[in-house]
C-alpha atoms as a PDB file:
ATOM      1  CA  UNK A   1     -85.836  54.949  14.771  1.00  0.00           C
ATOM      2  CA  UNK A   2     -85.618  51.084  15.524  1.00  0.00           C
ATOM      3  CA  UNK A   3     -83.177  50.990  12.738  1.00  0.00           C
ATOM      4  CA  UNK A   4     -81.013  53.484  14.077  1.00  0.00           C
ATOM      5  CA  UNK A   5     -81.543  51.735  17.487  1.00  0.00           C
ATOM      6  CA  UNK A   6     -80.564  48.497  15.538  1.00  0.00           C
ATOM      7  CA  UNK A   7     -77.614  50.059  13.956  1.00  0.00           C
ATOM      8  CA  UNK A   8     -76.135  51.779  17.119  1.00  0.00           C
ATOM      9  CA  UNK A   9     -76.344  48.422  19.033  1.00  0.00           C
ATOM     10  CA  UNK A  10     -74.857  46.469  15.987  1.00  0.00           C
ATOM     11  CA  UNK A  11     -71.994  48.652  15.611  1.00  0.00           C
ATOM     12  CA  UNK A  12     -71.187  48.721  19.415  1.00  0.00           C
ATOM     13  CA  UNK A  13     -70.974  44.623  18.779  1.00  0.00           C
ATOM     14  CA  UNK A  14     -68.722  45.334  15.686  1.00  0.00           C
ATOM     15  CA  UNK A  15     -66.522  47.450  18.117  1.00  0.00           C
ATOM     16  CA  UNK A  16     -66.157  44.873  20.578  1.00  0.00           C
ATOM     17  CA  UNK A  17     -65.346  42.451  17.952  1.00  0.00           C
ATOM     18  CA  UNK A  18     -62.360  44.549  16.669  1.00  0.00           C
ATOM     19  CA  UNK A  19     -61.292  45.085  20.491  1.00  0.00           C
ATOM     20  CA  UNK A  20     -61.188  40.941  20.222  1.00  0.00           C
ATOM     21  CA  UNK A  21     -59.151  40.786  16.627  1.00  0.00           C
ATOM     22  CA  UNK A  22     -56.594  42.953  18.298  1.00  0.00           C
ATOM     23  CA  UNK A  23     -55.658  40.286  20.908  1.00  0.00           C
ATOM     24  CA  UNK A  24     -53.605  37.356  20.272  1.00  0.00           C
ATOM     25  CA  UNK A  25     -56.236  34.739  18.768  1.00  0.00           C
ATOM     26  CA  UNK A  26     -55.827  31.537  17.039  1.00  0.00           C
ATOM     27  CA  UNK A  27     -56.570  31.058  13.603  1.00  0.00           C
ATOM     28  CA  UNK A  28     -60.197  29.318  14.623  1.00  0.00           C
ATOM     29  CA  UNK A  29     -61.061  32.301  17.212  1.00  0.00           C
ATOM     30  CA  UNK A  30     -60.176  34.613  14.386  1.00  0.00           C
ATOM     31  CA  UNK A  31     -62.394  32.889  11.892  1.00  0.00           C
ATOM     32  CA  UNK A  32     -64.941  32.828  14.395  1.00  0.00           C
ATOM     33  CA  UNK A  33     -64.810  36.531  15.199  1.00  0.00           C
ATOM     34  CA  UNK A  34     -64.706  37.340  11.413  1.00  0.00           C
ATOM     35  CA  UNK A  35     -68.117  35.354  11.174  1.00  0.00           C
ATOM     36  CA  UNK A  36     -69.791  37.310  13.672  1.00  0.00           C
ATOM     37  CA  UNK A  37     -68.507  40.567  11.976  1.00  0.00           C
ATOM     38  CA  UNK A  38     -69.685  39.950   8.703  1.00  0.00           C
ATOM     39  CA  UNK A  39     -73.041  38.819   9.905  1.00  0.00           C
ATOM     40  CA  UNK A  40     -73.531  42.067  11.826  1.00  0.00           C
ATOM     41  CA  UNK A  41     -72.647  43.986   8.633  1.00  0.00           C
ATOM     42  CA  UNK A  42     -74.989  41.874   6.579  1.00  0.00           C
ATOM     43  CA  UNK A  43     -77.720  42.792   9.009  1.00  0.00           C
ATOM     44  CA  UNK A  44     -76.926  46.150   8.776  1.00  0.00           C
ATOM     45  CA  UNK A  45     -76.977  45.994   4.843  1.00  0.00           C
ATOM     46  CA  UNK A  46     -80.042  44.053   4.740  1.00  0.00           C
ATOM     47  CA  UNK A  47     -82.067  46.927   7.168  1.00  0.00           C
ATOM     48  CA  UNK A  48     -80.200  49.796   4.869  1.00  0.00           C
ATOM     49  CA  UNK A  49     -81.620  47.836   1.779  1.00  0.00           C
ATOM     50  CA  UNK A  50     -78.152  47.628   0.219  1.00  0.00           C
ATOM     51  CA  UNK A  51     -78.393  44.262  -1.287  1.00  0.00           C
ATOM     52  CA  UNK A  52     -75.700  44.259  -3.358  1.00  0.00           C
ATOM     53  CA  UNK A  53     -73.275  44.464   0.009  1.00  0.00           C
ATOM     54  CA  UNK A  54     -75.423  42.332   2.068  1.00  0.00           C
ATOM     55  CA  UNK A  55     -74.939  39.316  -0.822  1.00  0.00           C
ATOM     56  CA  UNK A  56     -70.960  40.259  -0.344  1.00  0.00           C
ATOM     57  CA  UNK A  57     -71.182  40.216   3.013  1.00  0.00           C
ATOM     58  CA  UNK A  58     -72.887  36.599   3.155  1.00  0.00           C
ATOM     59  CA  UNK A  59     -70.474  35.476   0.587  1.00  0.00           C
ATOM     60  CA  UNK A  60     -67.472  36.641   3.174  1.00  0.00           C
ATOM     61  CA  UNK A  61     -69.439  34.552   5.841  1.00  0.00           C
ATOM     62  CA  UNK A  62     -69.683  31.605   3.424  1.00  0.00           C
ATOM     63  CA  UNK A  63     -65.885  31.764   3.183  1.00  0.00           C
ATOM     64  CA  UNK A  64     -64.948  31.574   6.564  1.00  0.00           C
ATOM     65  CA  UNK A  65     -67.598  29.010   7.039  1.00  0.00           C
ATOM     66  CA  UNK A  66     -66.408  26.677   4.632  1.00  0.00           C
ATOM     67  CA  UNK A  67     -62.788  27.365   5.757  1.00  0.00           C
ATOM     68  CA  UNK A  68     -63.486  25.886   9.317  1.00  0.00           C
ATOM     69  CA  UNK A  69     -62.557  22.682  10.139  1.00  0.00           C
ATOM     70  CA  UNK A  70     -65.606  21.710  12.385  1.00  0.00           C
ATOM     71  CA  UNK A  71     -67.902  22.941  10.105  1.00  0.00           C
ATOM     72  CA  UNK A  72     -70.763  20.451   9.281  1.00  0.00           C
ATOM     73  CA  UNK A  73     -72.770  20.011   6.028  1.00  0.00           C
ATOM     74  CA  UNK A  74     -75.656  21.418   7.152  1.00  0.00           C
ATOM     75  CA  UNK A  75     -73.977  24.803   8.413  1.00  0.00           C
ATOM     76  CA  UNK A  76     -72.748  25.052   5.024  1.00  0.00           C
ATOM     77  CA  UNK A  77     -75.950  24.075   3.157  1.00  0.00           C
ATOM     78  CA  UNK A  78     -77.461  26.935   5.158  1.00  0.00           C
ATOM     79  CA  UNK A  79     -75.165  29.292   4.304  1.00  0.00           C
ATOM     80  CA  UNK A  80     -75.141  28.834   0.871  1.00  0.00           C
ATOM     81  CA  UNK A  81     -78.784  28.890   0.392  1.00  0.00           C
ATOM     82  CA  UNK A  82     -78.731  32.313   2.376  1.00  0.00           C
ATOM     83  CA  UNK A  83     -75.721  33.310  -0.033  1.00  0.00           C
ATOM     84  CA  UNK A  84     -78.131  32.666  -3.310  1.00  0.00           C
ATOM     85  CA  UNK A  85     -80.887  34.003  -1.647  1.00  0.00           C
ATOM     86  CA  UNK A  86     -79.164  37.392  -0.968  1.00  0.00           C
ATOM     87  CA  UNK A  87     -77.531  37.385  -4.343  1.00  0.00           C
ATOM     88  CA  UNK A  88     -80.954  36.725  -5.918  1.00  0.00           C
ATOM     89  CA  UNK A  89     -82.416  39.826  -3.917  1.00  0.00           C
ATOM     90  CA  UNK A  90     -80.063  42.314  -5.938  1.00  0.00           C
ATOM     91  CA  UNK A  91     -82.331  44.252  -8.221  1.00  0.00           C
ATOM     92  CA  UNK A  92     -81.446  44.456 -11.487  1.00  0.00           C
ATOM     93  CA  UNK A  93     -81.617  48.040 -11.721  1.00  0.00           C
ATOM     94  CA  UNK A  94     -79.540  48.902  -8.655  1.00  0.00           C
ATOM     95  CA  UNK A  95     -77.718  51.940  -8.591  1.00  0.00           C
ATOM     96  CA  UNK A  96     -74.109  49.997  -8.180  1.00  0.00           C
ATOM     97  CA  UNK A  97     -74.497  47.568 -11.005  1.00  0.00           C
ATOM     98  CA  UNK A  98     -74.381  47.923 -14.785  1.00  0.00           C
ATOM     99  CA  UNK A  99     -77.522  45.337 -15.543  1.00  0.00           C
ATOM    100  CA  UNK A 100     -79.449  48.334 -16.979  1.00  0.00           C
ATOM    101  CA  UNK A 101     -77.025  48.953 -19.751  1.00  0.00           C
ATOM    102  CA  UNK A 102     -76.939  45.660 -20.889  1.00  0.00           C
ATOM    103  CA  UNK A 103     -79.295  44.956 -23.987  1.00  0.00           C
ATOM    104  CA  UNK A 104     -81.083  41.620 -24.397  1.00  0.00           C
ATOM    105  CA  UNK A 105     -82.846  40.754 -27.383  1.00  0.00           C
ATOM    106  CA  UNK A 106     -85.335  37.912 -27.218  1.00  0.00           C
END
């Protein structure tokens, strides 16, 4: 039940973000809104155990943080660490990947 409550709350936040994006915003404000949007998506995908999509949303956050003019090196390092960990959390037998079809010989 907690997951559905969280998903409902986050979907409401996403809807509010979409309404804000519709208004005329500066490039910096749009980047901040996209960072918040993909952050909400990443938390939904994590709770749903869709780790590949969580990694993609984290990669989008990483892109927008790196493209900001006022981003500091600590924020960039933090999002890089989160992205690497989210990419490593994707199981090899994920139904969305084709890793299980690769043959390895050791």
